[in-house]
Amino acid sequence: MTDRIGELLVREKLITSDQLKKAIDEQKTGGGRLGFNLTKLGFITEKNLTSFLSKQYGIPTVELATQEIDHEVVKLIPEDVAQKYQVIPISRTGATLVVAMADPSNIFAIDDIKFLTGYNVEPLVASDAAIKLAIEKHYESSDAGLGLEGMLSEFDEVDMEVVREEDEVDVADLKKAVEDAPVVKLVNLILTDAIKRGASDIHIEPYEKAFRVRYRVDGVLSEVMKPPMKLKNAIVSRIKIMSNLDIAERRLPQDGRIKLKLAKNKEMDYRVSVLPTLFGEKVCCRLLDKGNLQLDMTKLGFEQKALDDFMHAIHKPWGIVLVTGPTGSGKTTTLYSALSELNKITENISTAEDPVEFNLMGINQCQMHEDIGLNFAAALRSFLRQDPDVIMVGEVRDYETAEIAIKAALTGHMVLSTLHTNDAPSTVNRLLNMGIEPFLVSSACNLILAQRLARKICKDCKVEIQVPEKAFVDMGLSPAEAKKMKAYKGNGCATCGGSGYKGRIALYEVMPFTDTLKELVLTGASAAELKRAAIKDGMKSLRMSGITKVGEGVSTIEEIMRVTMAD
């Protein structure tokens, strides 16, 4: 905007001479247009400025916030030209292109756009801020097309400075950095790219001289990008703001949640955990996609006998069913599937979860809050006063929770819960180790299920391969069984990103509490003795379940060896 406009504003008494001088000084030091600096310093409102320009040049104003702009029209003016002249194309009619401008007196801009596009230019007046927002909004899609690598090319690594942990970070500066359009775009791209790649977790990790982003896809972590170190605090703070966390608190762990609304009304939840580390805050985001929640038990990976045993156990009028395995082994999906099976109009179902991952209609779900004393034990006590039929406890972590869960199972309630153990038989020892009496364990437990997730071979590049019989023998098969086995693998294709794997399937070790097992628990048998007896009664171990999946051509020998232990 020219100095002449400034003089006209003074003549119209919209600003004073001193204000004009200050705005010109600000323009010389900080750059930008004169009008932008006048509004930034608060000497005139954007509305008054655009109204003045409209009257001065006889050009109508336009409200860009409510304007629908066709993407094809936006493409007529390149982004660098739009940024240079602070213009945005709005519509095209015949040989005329309607363009919103912050400075309609800029004849050079109008001539350049006319030459570049071949259209006659009809200018409209809009504020600097509105045009800036419109440029960010309508040219953002072209950034998304670049992918993560293209996005990173925007950031200059020159003059990069590593911020040491002892350095104080000004919260005001941090908020300003967080609002920068490139940082917002980059964080949005990280969150949406994870969905496209089918990731279950996003890890954003700072180190002394590196900063990286990794995705966990089908249970395996891989690095996807290394943003510049100078963006470390801005990216983490942007995620904290989206999760409603305190950006000033950088010494304590924090947990939050992001809810994104995507195209076609699809919603995606991210469970966010922020952990202070030696060189900054590490962020882990778990993706919770309700649309992909598989509640059909026949599609989870159960073999028929294991599924029959599990269904029989959860349909009993009382007792406890425990699902065990490490974090990320699919325990929650199995429990939700069981609840979905039990969810009838005649049943009162209550769950205590930390956190509640998915909302299920017809089930009363309760979020734990340790800070105010609402833990699993407190929730369980309350549930027993709520006339329950089925109770689900997120995890049995201590004696108090285990004791109430067992007593609930012995007083006419069906209880479902999880435990962190390596296999089904060792779960009994874990309960005894917590202080639960053997007679209570044998009386209350209906069934214990252990599970793991194994990657599936990609269907588009699956081929049969020749494998030495020794490989099957090493897995635990007899030489006679090994001769009959076939093996498959994925060669790698565009569908699976060259890995040969696409999706995951669960391996199950289902141990019903037979009379034999109950007797062994009462006599204090070891986990190994319980396992032998359970296999004799027909239980398939995790390794056996994996071998079945290899024989069916669902997974590979290497994958089963990776996720299961030898019997």
Protein backbone atom coordinates (compact mmCIF):
# COMPACT_ATOMS: atom_id res chain seq x y z
CA MET A 1 0.00 0.00 0.00
CA THR A 2 1.49 3.37 -1.07
CA ASP A 3 2.33 6.38 1.08
CA ARG A 4 -0.36 8.28 -0.89
CA ILE A 5 -3.03 6.09 0.75
CA GLY A 6 -1.53 7.02 4.12
CA GLU A 7 -1.83 10.72 3.29
CA LEU A 8 -5.45 10.24 2.21
CA LEU A 9 -6.22 8.44 5.50
CA VAL A 10 -4.72 11.40 7.43
CA ARG A 11 -6.72 13.89 5.31
CA GLU A 12 -9.93 11.94 6.07
CA LYS A 13 -8.92 12.04 9.79
CA LEU A 14 -9.04 8.25 10.04
CA ILE A 15 -5.45 8.28 11.39
CA THR A 16 -3.09 11.02 12.65
CA SER A 17 0.24 12.11 11.11
CA ASP A 18 2.12 10.60 14.08
CA GLN A 19 0.35 7.27 13.59
CA LEU A 20 1.23 7.30 9.88
CA LYS A 21 4.90 8.00 10.71
CA LYS A 22 4.98 5.11 13.26
CA ALA A 23 3.36 2.74 10.73
CA ILE A 24 5.95 3.72 8.06
CA ASP A 25 8.79 3.11 10.58
CA GLU A 26 7.26 -0.28 11.46
CA GLN A 27 7.02 -1.09 7.74
CA LYS A 28 10.71 -0.29 7.24
CA THR A 29 11.81 -2.59 10.10
CA GLY A 30 9.29 -5.43 9.88
CA GLY A 31 8.20 -5.29 6.23
CA GLY A 32 4.61 -5.80 5.07
CA ARG A 33 2.14 -3.34 3.58
CA LEU A 34 1.34 0.01 5.13
CA GLY A 35 -2.31 -0.97 5.71
CA PHE A 36 -1.22 -4.19 7.43
CA ASN A 37 1.05 -2.23 9.79
CA LEU A 38 -1.67 0.37 10.51
CA THR A 39 -4.12 -2.39 11.57
CA LYS A 40 -1.41 -4.32 13.43
CA LEU A 41 -0.58 -1.23 15.52
CA GLY A 42 -4.30 -0.73 16.19
CA PHE A 43 -4.50 2.70 14.51
CA ILE A 44 -7.39 1.65 12.25
CA THR A 45 -9.69 -1.39 12.06
CA GLU A 46 -9.60 -3.68 9.02
CA LYS A 47 -13.27 -2.95 8.37
CA ASN A 48 -12.73 0.84 8.31
CA LEU A 49 -9.67 0.48 6.09
CA THR A 50 -11.43 -1.72 3.47
CA SER A 51 -14.49 0.60 3.52
CA PHE A 52 -12.22 3.62 2.91
CA LEU A 53 -10.40 1.90 0.02
CA SER A 54 -13.73 0.81 -1.46
CA LYS A 55 -15.06 4.39 -1.45
CA GLN A 56 -11.76 5.90 -2.62
CA TYR A 57 -11.46 3.68 -5.71
CA GLY A 58 -15.14 2.92 -6.31
CA ILE A 59 -14.46 -0.82 -5.95
CA PRO A 60 -16.80 -3.12 -3.94
CA THR A 61 -15.56 -4.99 -0.88
CA VAL A 62 -15.77 -8.79 -0.49
CA GLU A 63 -16.18 -10.96 2.65
CA LEU A 64 -13.70 -13.78 1.95
CA ALA A 65 -14.64 -15.82 5.05
CA THR A 66 -18.07 -16.61 3.57
CA GLN A 67 -16.90 -16.88 -0.05
CA GLU A 68 -16.93 -20.29 -1.78
CA ILE A 69 -13.93 -20.42 -4.14
CA ASP A 70 -13.55 -23.12 -6.81
CA HIS A 71 -10.17 -24.94 -6.64
CA GLU A 72 -9.85 -24.68 -10.47
CA VAL A 73 -10.08 -20.86 -10.21
CA VAL A 74 -7.41 -20.80 -7.46
CA LYS A 75 -5.04 -22.69 -9.77
CA LEU A 76 -5.14 -19.81 -12.31
CA ILE A 77 -2.82 -17.73 -10.11
CA PRO A 78 0.32 -19.49 -8.75
CA GLU A 79 0.80 -19.38 -4.98
CA ASP A 80 4.04 -17.33 -5.17
CA VAL A 81 2.24 -14.61 -7.20
CA ALA A 82 -0.70 -14.64 -4.77
CA GLN A 83 1.70 -14.27 -1.83
CA LYS A 84 3.76 -11.55 -3.56
CA TYR A 85 0.80 -9.27 -4.34
CA GLN A 86 -1.53 -10.45 -1.53
CA VAL A 87 -4.32 -11.41 -3.94
CA ILE A 88 -6.71 -14.36 -4.21
CA PRO A 89 -8.78 -15.25 -7.32
CA ILE A 90 -12.50 -15.59 -6.48
CA SER A 91 -14.36 -16.43 -9.69
CA ARG A 92 -14.12 -16.43 -13.49
CA THR A 93 -16.84 -15.31 -15.89
CA GLY A 94 -15.99 -15.50 -19.58
CA ALA A 95 -12.74 -13.56 -20.13
CA THR A 96 -12.90 -11.81 -16.74
CA LEU A 97 -11.16 -12.99 -13.58
CA VAL A 98 -12.48 -11.53 -10.30
CA VAL A 99 -9.63 -11.04 -7.82
CA ALA A 100 -9.67 -9.90 -4.16
CA MET A 101 -6.84 -7.49 -3.37
CA ALA A 102 -5.55 -5.76 -0.26
CA ASP A 103 -4.24 -2.87 -2.37
CA PRO A 104 -6.45 -2.13 -5.41
CA SER A 105 -4.14 0.78 -6.37
CA ASN A 106 -1.35 -1.67 -7.29
CA ILE A 107 -1.44 -1.38 -11.09
CA PHE A 108 1.69 -3.56 -11.44
CA ALA A 109 -0.08 -6.47 -9.70
CA ILE A 110 -3.15 -6.17 -11.95
CA ASP A 111 -0.97 -6.00 -15.11
CA ASP A 112 1.14 -9.00 -14.00
CA ILE A 113 -1.94 -11.15 -13.28
CA LYS A 114 -3.53 -10.09 -16.59
CA PHE A 115 -0.35 -11.07 -18.48
CA LEU A 116 0.07 -14.33 -16.54
CA THR A 117 -3.53 -15.58 -16.85
CA GLY A 118 -4.66 -14.02 -20.12
CA TYR A 119 -7.86 -12.77 -18.44
CA ASN A 120 -9.15 -9.25 -17.80
CA VAL A 121 -8.82 -8.56 -14.06
CA GLU A 122 -11.72 -7.18 -12.01
CA PRO A 123 -10.46 -6.23 -8.53
CA LEU A 124 -12.42 -6.33 -5.25
CA VAL A 125 -11.20 -5.00 -1.89
CA ALA A 126 -10.50 -7.32 1.07
CA SER A 127 -8.38 -6.94 4.21
CA ASP A 128 -4.78 -8.16 4.42
CA ALA A 129 -5.65 -10.66 7.17
CA ALA A 130 -8.62 -12.11 5.23
CA ILE A 131 -6.49 -12.55 2.09
CA LYS A 132 -3.68 -14.16 4.08
CA LEU A 133 -6.12 -16.68 5.61
CA ALA A 134 -7.69 -17.38 2.21
CA ILE A 135 -4.27 -18.03 0.63
CA GLU A 136 -3.36 -20.46 3.45
CA LYS A 137 -6.71 -22.23 3.16
CA HIS A 138 -6.99 -22.56 -0.62
CA TYR A 139 -3.35 -23.27 -1.44
CA GLU A 140 -2.99 -25.78 1.43
CA SER A 141 -4.21 -28.70 -0.72
CA SER A 142 -1.22 -28.28 -3.00
CA ASP A 143 1.04 -28.64 0.07
CA ALA A 144 -0.74 -31.88 1.01
CA GLY A 145 0.06 -33.25 -2.43
CA LEU A 146 3.77 -32.76 -1.77
CA GLY A 147 3.72 -35.29 1.05
CA LEU A 148 5.92 -35.08 4.13
CA GLU A 149 9.19 -34.71 2.24
CA GLY A 150 7.85 -31.87 0.10
CA MET A 151 6.48 -30.15 3.17
CA LEU A 152 9.87 -30.33 4.89
CA SER A 153 11.56 -28.65 1.92
CA GLU A 154 9.84 -25.42 3.04
CA PHE A 155 11.98 -25.28 6.15
CA ASP A 156 15.50 -23.94 5.92
CA GLU A 157 18.14 -25.77 7.96
CA VAL A 158 20.65 -22.89 7.67
CA ASP A 159 21.44 -21.01 10.90
CA MET A 160 19.73 -23.78 12.86
CA GLU A 161 20.19 -23.65 16.61
CA VAL A 162 19.66 -26.54 19.01
CA VAL A 163 17.78 -25.34 22.11
CA ARG A 164 19.33 -26.85 25.22
CA GLU A 165 17.06 -28.20 27.92
CA GLU A 166 18.29 -25.70 30.49
CA ASP A 167 17.32 -22.77 28.24
CA GLU A 168 14.04 -21.13 29.23
CA VAL A 169 11.39 -21.11 26.52
CA ASP A 170 9.14 -18.04 26.45
CA VAL A 171 5.49 -19.19 26.34
CA ALA A 172 4.43 -16.13 24.32
CA ASP A 173 7.10 -16.88 21.68
CA LEU A 174 6.02 -20.52 21.68
CA LYS A 175 2.37 -19.60 21.07
CA LYS A 176 3.43 -17.35 18.20
CA ALA A 177 5.54 -20.13 16.63
CA VAL A 178 2.69 -22.63 17.04
CA GLU A 179 0.33 -20.40 15.05
CA ASP A 180 2.71 -20.23 12.04
CA ALA A 181 0.93 -21.68 9.01
CA PRO A 182 3.81 -24.09 8.08
CA VAL A 183 3.83 -25.64 11.59
CA VAL A 184 0.02 -26.04 11.57
CA LYS A 185 0.17 -27.62 8.11
CA LEU A 186 3.02 -29.96 9.06
CA VAL A 187 1.26 -31.24 12.21
CA ASN A 188 -1.99 -31.72 10.25
CA LEU A 189 -0.06 -33.59 7.58
CA ILE A 190 1.62 -35.87 10.15
CA LEU A 191 -1.78 -36.72 11.70
CA THR A 192 -3.57 -37.33 8.37
CA ASP A 193 -0.65 -39.14 6.68
CA ALA A 194 -0.69 -41.65 9.56
CA ILE A 195 -4.32 -42.46 8.72
CA LYS A 196 -3.51 -42.96 5.02
CA ARG A 197 -0.68 -45.34 5.88
CA GLY A 198 -2.84 -47.33 8.31
CA ALA A 199 -0.65 -46.50 11.32
CA SER A 200 -1.76 -47.40 14.84
CA ASP A 201 0.68 -45.04 16.62
CA ILE A 202 2.68 -41.88 15.88
CA HIS A 203 5.96 -41.29 17.76
CA ILE A 204 7.50 -37.79 17.73
CA GLU A 205 10.90 -38.08 19.38
CA PRO A 206 13.59 -35.48 20.25
CA TYR A 207 17.25 -36.45 20.63
CA GLU A 208 20.40 -34.39 21.21
CA LYS A 209 21.11 -33.72 17.53
CA ALA A 210 18.09 -35.22 15.78
CA PHE A 211 14.31 -35.00 15.80
CA ARG A 212 12.29 -37.76 14.16
CA VAL A 213 8.75 -38.95 13.47
CA ARG A 214 7.94 -42.66 13.33
CA TYR A 215 4.73 -44.53 12.52
CA ARG A 216 3.81 -47.99 13.80
CA VAL A 217 2.17 -49.80 10.89
CA ASP A 218 0.97 -53.39 11.45
CA GLY A 219 2.89 -53.51 14.72
CA VAL A 220 6.28 -52.47 13.29
CA LEU A 221 7.84 -49.00 13.70
CA SER A 222 9.39 -47.20 10.75
CA GLU A 223 10.84 -43.69 10.40
CA VAL A 224 8.90 -41.38 8.08
CA MET A 225 10.57 -37.99 8.50
CA LYS A 226 13.13 -35.87 10.34
CA PRO A 227 11.79 -32.33 10.87
CA PRO A 228 14.34 -29.55 11.56
CA MET A 229 15.43 -29.27 15.19
CA LYS A 230 14.23 -25.66 15.37
CA LEU A 231 10.63 -26.90 14.97
CA LYS A 232 10.85 -29.29 17.94
CA ASN A 233 9.12 -27.09 20.53
CA ALA A 234 6.61 -25.65 18.04
CA ILE A 235 5.43 -29.08 16.79
CA VAL A 236 5.10 -30.53 20.31
CA SER A 237 3.30 -27.38 21.55
CA ARG A 238 0.92 -27.44 18.56
CA ILE A 239 -0.07 -31.02 19.44
CA LYS A 240 -0.45 -30.03 23.12
CA ILE A 241 -2.75 -27.15 22.18
CA MET A 242 -4.85 -29.49 20.00
CA SER A 243 -5.03 -31.91 22.98
CA ASN A 244 -6.02 -29.15 25.48
CA LEU A 245 -2.78 -29.64 27.44
CA ASP A 246 -0.65 -27.04 29.25
CA ILE A 247 2.12 -25.84 26.89
CA ALA A 248 3.93 -24.10 29.76
CA GLU A 249 4.34 -27.39 31.68
CA ARG A 250 7.33 -29.17 30.15
CA ARG A 251 8.63 -31.17 33.14
CA LEU A 252 5.68 -33.48 33.88
CA PRO A 253 3.99 -36.17 31.73
CA GLN A 254 0.57 -35.16 30.33
CA ASP A 255 -2.24 -37.09 28.65
CA GLY A 256 -4.88 -35.72 26.31
CA ARG A 257 -7.04 -36.45 23.32
CA ILE A 258 -7.47 -34.97 19.82
CA LYS A 259 -10.67 -35.41 17.84
CA LEU A 260 -10.41 -34.69 14.11
CA LYS A 261 -13.31 -34.42 11.70
CA LEU A 262 -12.23 -35.64 8.28
CA ALA A 263 -13.90 -35.80 4.85
CA LYS A 264 -17.28 -37.56 4.52
CA ASN A 265 -18.05 -36.90 8.22
CA LYS A 266 -15.46 -39.47 9.30
CA GLU A 267 -14.08 -38.89 12.79
CA MET A 268 -10.68 -39.95 14.12
CA ASP A 269 -9.58 -39.87 17.74
CA TYR A 270 -5.94 -39.64 18.82
CA ARG A 271 -4.96 -40.56 22.37
CA VAL A 272 -2.00 -38.29 23.13
CA SER A 273 0.71 -38.95 25.71
CA VAL A 274 3.49 -36.39 26.30
CA LEU A 275 6.60 -37.55 28.16
CA PRO A 276 9.52 -35.29 29.24
CA THR A 277 12.84 -36.81 28.09
CA LEU A 278 16.46 -35.68 28.32
CA PHE A 279 16.31 -33.51 25.16
CA GLY A 280 12.68 -32.39 25.12
CA GLU A 281 9.18 -33.82 25.16
CA LYS A 282 8.38 -37.08 23.37
CA VAL A 283 4.85 -37.37 21.99
CA CYS A 284 3.03 -40.62 21.32
CA CYS A 285 -0.36 -40.51 19.58
CA ARG A 286 -2.49 -43.66 19.43
CA LEU A 287 -5.01 -43.63 16.56
CA LEU A 288 -8.48 -44.81 17.54
CA ASP A 289 -10.57 -45.40 14.42
CA LYS A 290 -14.07 -46.49 15.37
CA GLY A 291 -14.84 -47.16 11.71
CA ASN A 292 -12.18 -49.92 11.70
CA LEU A 293 -13.26 -51.46 15.03
CA GLN A 294 -13.88 -55.13 14.25
CA LEU A 295 -16.58 -56.49 16.59
CA ASP A 296 -17.39 -59.67 14.66
CA MET A 297 -15.68 -62.41 16.67
CA THR A 298 -15.60 -64.82 13.72
CA LYS A 299 -13.28 -62.38 11.87
CA LEU A 300 -10.76 -61.76 14.65
CA GLY A 301 -8.67 -64.90 14.02
CA PHE A 302 -10.21 -67.46 16.41
CA GLU A 303 -10.02 -71.12 15.43
CA GLN A 304 -13.41 -72.80 15.78
CA LYS A 305 -12.75 -74.72 19.04
CA ALA A 306 -11.14 -71.66 20.68
CA LEU A 307 -14.10 -69.48 19.63
CA ASP A 308 -16.59 -72.05 20.98
CA ASP A 309 -14.73 -72.20 24.32
CA PHE A 310 -14.61 -68.39 24.59
CA MET A 311 -18.29 -67.92 23.69
CA HIS A 312 -19.30 -70.62 26.18
CA ALA A 313 -17.28 -68.89 28.95
CA ILE A 314 -18.70 -65.37 28.41
CA HIS A 315 -22.29 -66.65 28.18
CA LYS A 316 -22.11 -68.30 31.62
CA PRO A 317 -24.30 -66.55 34.24
CA TRP A 318 -21.29 -65.65 36.41
CA GLY A 319 -17.53 -65.98 36.64
CA ILE A 320 -14.48 -64.08 35.40
CA VAL A 321 -12.93 -64.18 31.92
CA LEU A 322 -9.42 -62.72 31.65
CA VAL A 323 -7.75 -61.53 28.42
CA THR A 324 -3.95 -61.23 28.67
CA GLY A 325 -1.10 -59.98 26.54
CA PRO A 326 1.27 -57.02 26.18
CA THR A 327 0.24 -53.47 25.20
CA GLY A 328 -0.99 -53.32 21.61
CA SER A 329 -1.87 -57.02 21.34
CA GLY A 330 -5.57 -56.39 20.62
CA LYS A 331 -6.98 -57.11 24.10
CA THR A 332 -9.38 -54.13 23.95
CA THR A 333 -10.81 -55.25 20.59
CA THR A 334 -11.42 -58.77 21.95
CA LEU A 335 -13.14 -57.39 25.07
CA TYR A 336 -15.29 -54.97 23.04
CA SER A 337 -16.26 -57.86 20.75
CA ALA A 338 -17.30 -59.90 23.80
CA LEU A 339 -19.30 -56.94 25.17
CA SER A 340 -20.93 -56.48 21.77
CA GLU A 341 -21.95 -60.15 21.84
CA LEU A 342 -23.40 -59.76 25.37
CA ASN A 343 -25.03 -56.37 24.68
CA LYS A 344 -28.73 -57.21 24.85
CA ILE A 345 -31.69 -55.12 26.00
CA THR A 346 -32.06 -57.50 28.97
CA GLU A 347 -28.49 -57.00 30.25
CA ASN A 348 -27.07 -54.14 32.35
CA ILE A 349 -23.45 -53.73 31.29
CA SER A 350 -20.98 -51.36 32.98
CA THR A 351 -17.31 -50.82 32.11
CA ALA A 352 -14.44 -49.13 33.98
CA GLU A 353 -11.81 -48.05 31.45
CA ASP A 354 -8.64 -45.97 31.43
CA PRO A 355 -9.07 -44.49 28.91
CA VAL A 356 -12.42 -45.15 27.20
CA GLU A 357 -11.20 -45.91 23.67
CA PHE A 358 -14.49 -46.35 21.81
CA ASN A 359 -18.08 -45.42 22.67
CA LEU A 360 -20.48 -48.37 22.47
CA MET A 361 -24.24 -47.83 22.40
CA GLY A 362 -26.10 -49.62 25.20
CA ILE A 363 -23.06 -49.96 27.46
CA ASN A 364 -22.42 -47.70 30.48
CA GLN A 365 -18.77 -46.72 30.13
CA CYS A 366 -16.92 -45.03 33.00
CA GLN A 367 -13.64 -43.12 32.56
CA MET A 368 -11.14 -43.49 35.42
CA HIS A 369 -9.66 -40.39 37.13
CA GLU A 370 -6.88 -41.43 39.51
CA ASP A 371 -6.26 -37.82 40.57
CA ILE A 372 -9.68 -37.61 42.26
CA GLY A 373 -9.65 -41.17 43.60
CA LEU A 374 -11.77 -42.79 40.87
CA ASN A 375 -9.74 -45.92 40.18
CA PHE A 376 -10.75 -49.41 39.06
CA ALA A 377 -11.42 -50.57 42.64
CA ALA A 378 -13.64 -47.56 43.43
CA ALA A 379 -15.56 -47.95 40.15
CA LEU A 380 -16.06 -51.68 40.78
CA ARG A 381 -17.53 -51.04 44.23
CA SER A 382 -19.93 -48.52 42.71
CA PHE A 383 -20.90 -50.91 39.89
CA LEU A 384 -21.98 -53.51 42.44
CA ARG A 385 -24.57 -51.01 43.71
CA GLN A 386 -25.86 -50.43 40.16
CA ASP A 387 -27.64 -53.80 39.70
CA PRO A 388 -25.09 -55.11 37.14
CA ASP A 389 -25.26 -58.24 34.98
CA VAL A 390 -21.93 -57.81 33.15
CA ILE A 391 -18.92 -55.82 34.40
CA MET A 392 -15.81 -55.00 32.40
CA VAL A 393 -12.69 -53.74 34.23
CA GLY A 394 -10.00 -52.22 32.00
CA GLU A 395 -7.13 -53.89 33.86
CA VAL A 396 -6.49 -55.83 37.05
CA ARG A 397 -3.43 -53.95 38.34
CA ASP A 398 -3.43 -54.61 42.09
CA TYR A 399 -4.76 -56.81 44.89
CA GLU A 400 -7.70 -54.53 45.71
CA THR A 401 -9.08 -54.56 42.14
CA ALA A 402 -8.43 -58.30 41.76
CA GLU A 403 -10.19 -59.08 45.07
CA ILE A 404 -13.35 -57.09 44.22
CA ALA A 405 -13.44 -58.54 40.66
CA ILE A 406 -13.15 -62.12 41.96
CA LYS A 407 -15.81 -61.53 44.63
CA ALA A 408 -18.13 -59.98 42.03
CA ALA A 409 -17.61 -63.07 39.83
CA LEU A 410 -18.51 -65.30 42.78
CA THR A 411 -21.71 -63.40 43.60
CA GLY A 412 -23.61 -63.83 40.35
CA HIS A 413 -21.91 -61.40 37.95
CA MET A 414 -20.06 -61.95 34.67
CA VAL A 415 -16.72 -60.07 34.91
CA LEU A 416 -14.40 -59.38 31.96
CA SER A 417 -10.94 -57.94 32.45
CA THR A 418 -7.34 -57.81 31.20
CA LEU A 419 -3.99 -58.62 32.75
CA HIS A 420 -0.42 -58.10 31.52
CA THR A 421 1.13 -61.58 31.38
CA ASN A 422 3.00 -63.57 28.72
CA ASP A 423 0.62 -66.49 28.31
CA ALA A 424 -2.59 -67.98 29.75
CA PRO A 425 -1.11 -70.41 32.34
CA SER A 426 1.23 -67.77 33.88
CA THR A 427 -1.85 -65.57 34.55
CA VAL A 428 -2.82 -67.90 37.41
CA ASN A 429 0.59 -67.37 39.06
CA ARG A 430 0.20 -63.58 38.58
CA LEU A 431 -3.13 -63.62 40.45
CA LEU A 432 -1.67 -65.77 43.26
CA ASN A 433 1.32 -63.41 43.39
CA MET A 434 -1.11 -60.49 43.89
CA GLY A 435 -2.40 -62.21 47.01
CA ILE A 436 -5.58 -63.91 45.73
CA GLU A 437 -6.19 -67.29 47.40
CA PRO A 438 -5.92 -70.39 45.13
CA PHE A 439 -9.47 -71.55 46.00
CA LEU A 440 -10.88 -68.16 44.87
CA VAL A 441 -9.00 -68.34 41.55
CA SER A 442 -10.20 -71.89 40.80
CA SER A 443 -13.80 -71.06 41.80
CA ALA A 444 -14.12 -67.74 39.96
CA CYS A 445 -12.19 -68.19 36.70
CA ASN A 446 -14.16 -69.46 33.70
CA LEU A 447 -11.43 -68.97 31.11
CA ILE A 448 -8.12 -67.21 30.45
CA LEU A 449 -7.25 -66.06 26.94
CA ALA A 450 -3.77 -64.92 25.84
CA GLN A 451 -3.26 -63.20 22.50
CA ARG A 452 -0.77 -61.64 20.10
CA LEU A 453 -1.12 -59.84 16.77
CA ALA A 454 0.78 -61.18 13.74
CA ARG A 455 1.08 -59.45 10.37
CA LYS A 456 -0.88 -60.97 7.50
CA ILE A 457 0.64 -61.71 4.10
CA CYS A 458 -0.45 -59.18 1.47
CA LYS A 459 -3.08 -60.81 -0.76
CA ASP A 460 -1.93 -58.91 -3.89
CA CYS A 461 1.64 -60.26 -3.91
CA LYS A 462 1.26 -63.59 -2.05
CA VAL A 463 3.31 -66.51 -3.48
CA GLU A 464 4.04 -70.04 -2.32
CA ILE A 465 7.67 -70.65 -1.34
CA GLN A 466 9.79 -73.72 -0.66
CA VAL A 467 10.96 -73.92 2.95
CA PRO A 468 13.26 -76.60 4.44
CA GLU A 469 11.40 -79.03 6.71
CA LYS A 470 13.85 -78.08 9.48
CA ALA A 471 12.26 -74.59 9.66
CA PHE A 472 8.90 -76.18 10.60
CA VAL A 473 10.58 -78.60 13.02
CA ASP A 474 12.29 -75.61 14.70
CA MET A 475 8.84 -74.06 15.15
CA GLY A 476 7.70 -77.13 17.10
CA LEU A 477 6.25 -79.54 14.53
CA SER A 478 7.16 -83.22 14.25
CA PRO A 479 9.08 -84.27 11.09
CA ALA A 480 5.94 -86.04 9.80
CA GLU A 481 3.82 -82.87 10.25
CA ALA A 482 6.57 -80.70 8.75
CA LYS A 483 6.43 -82.68 5.46
CA LYS A 484 2.76 -81.76 4.94
CA MET A 485 3.21 -78.03 5.60
CA LYS A 486 3.20 -75.33 2.93
CA ALA A 487 4.60 -71.83 3.33
CA TYR A 488 3.84 -68.48 1.68
CA LYS A 489 5.24 -64.97 1.64
CA GLY A 490 4.52 -61.55 0.09
CA ASN A 491 6.92 -60.41 -2.63
CA GLY A 492 6.15 -56.73 -1.95
CA CYS A 493 3.90 -54.51 -4.06
CA ALA A 494 2.30 -51.04 -4.10
CA THR A 495 -0.59 -52.24 -1.89
CA CYS A 496 1.68 -53.23 1.00
CA GLY A 497 4.37 -50.61 0.38
CA GLY A 498 6.93 -53.29 -0.50
CA SER A 499 6.79 -54.99 2.93
CA GLY A 500 4.90 -58.12 1.84
CA TYR A 501 2.47 -57.68 4.76
CA LYS A 502 -0.90 -55.94 4.92
CA GLY A 503 -3.09 -55.95 8.04
CA ARG A 504 -2.88 -58.13 11.15
CA ILE A 505 -4.56 -61.21 12.54
CA ALA A 506 -4.81 -62.30 16.19
CA LEU A 507 -3.26 -65.50 17.56
CA TYR A 508 -5.18 -66.93 20.52
CA GLU A 509 -4.31 -69.24 23.40
CA VAL A 510 -7.65 -70.10 25.02
CA MET A 511 -7.49 -71.93 28.37
CA PRO A 512 -10.89 -72.95 29.83
CA PHE A 513 -10.82 -73.86 33.53
CA THR A 514 -11.52 -77.57 33.42
CA ASP A 515 -11.82 -79.67 36.60
CA THR A 516 -8.24 -80.89 36.03
CA LEU A 517 -6.89 -77.33 35.96
CA LYS A 518 -8.91 -76.34 39.03
CA GLU A 519 -7.37 -79.24 40.98
CA LEU A 520 -3.86 -78.25 39.85
CA VAL A 521 -4.40 -74.61 40.93
CA LEU A 522 -5.53 -75.78 44.39
CA THR A 523 -2.40 -77.93 44.76
CA GLY A 524 -0.11 -75.01 43.79
CA ALA A 525 1.04 -76.32 40.40
CA SER A 526 3.59 -74.32 38.36
CA ALA A 527 2.75 -72.49 35.09
CA ALA A 528 4.57 -75.24 33.11
CA GLU A 529 2.42 -77.96 34.72
CA LEU A 530 -0.75 -75.97 34.05
CA LYS A 531 0.30 -75.52 30.39
CA ARG A 532 0.95 -79.24 29.90
CA ALA A 533 -2.43 -80.12 31.40
CA ALA A 534 -4.26 -77.49 29.36
CA ILE A 535 -2.68 -78.70 26.08
CA LYS A 536 -3.64 -82.25 27.03
CA ASP A 537 -7.23 -80.99 27.49
CA GLY A 538 -7.15 -79.55 23.95
CA MET A 539 -5.72 -76.01 24.34
CA LYS A 540 -3.70 -74.63 21.43
CA SER A 541 -0.71 -72.54 22.55
CA LEU A 542 0.16 -69.21 20.90
CA ARG A 543 2.92 -70.92 18.86
CA MET A 544 0.47 -73.67 17.76
CA SER A 545 -2.08 -71.04 16.74
CA GLY A 546 0.67 -69.31 14.75
CA ILE A 547 1.68 -72.54 12.99
CA THR A 548 -1.98 -73.00 11.94
CA LYS A 549 -1.92 -69.48 10.43
CA VAL A 550 1.27 -70.34 8.49
CA GLY A 551 -0.33 -73.55 7.14
CA GLU A 552 -3.43 -71.59 6.06
CA GLY A 553 -1.22 -69.12 4.17
CA VAL A 554 -2.29 -66.20 6.39
CA SER A 555 1.15 -65.37 7.88
CA THR A 556 4.82 -66.27 7.53
CA ILE A 557 7.20 -68.41 9.59
CA GLU A 558 9.38 -65.34 10.36
CA GLU A 559 6.39 -63.37 11.66
CA ILE A 560 5.17 -66.20 13.93
CA MET A 561 8.71 -66.71 15.30
CA ARG A 562 8.85 -62.95 15.98
CA VAL A 563 5.66 -62.72 18.05
CA THR A 564 5.51 -66.09 19.85
CA MET A 565 7.80 -68.17 22.08
CA ALA A 566 8.55 -71.86 21.63
CA ASP A 567 6.45 -74.21 23.80
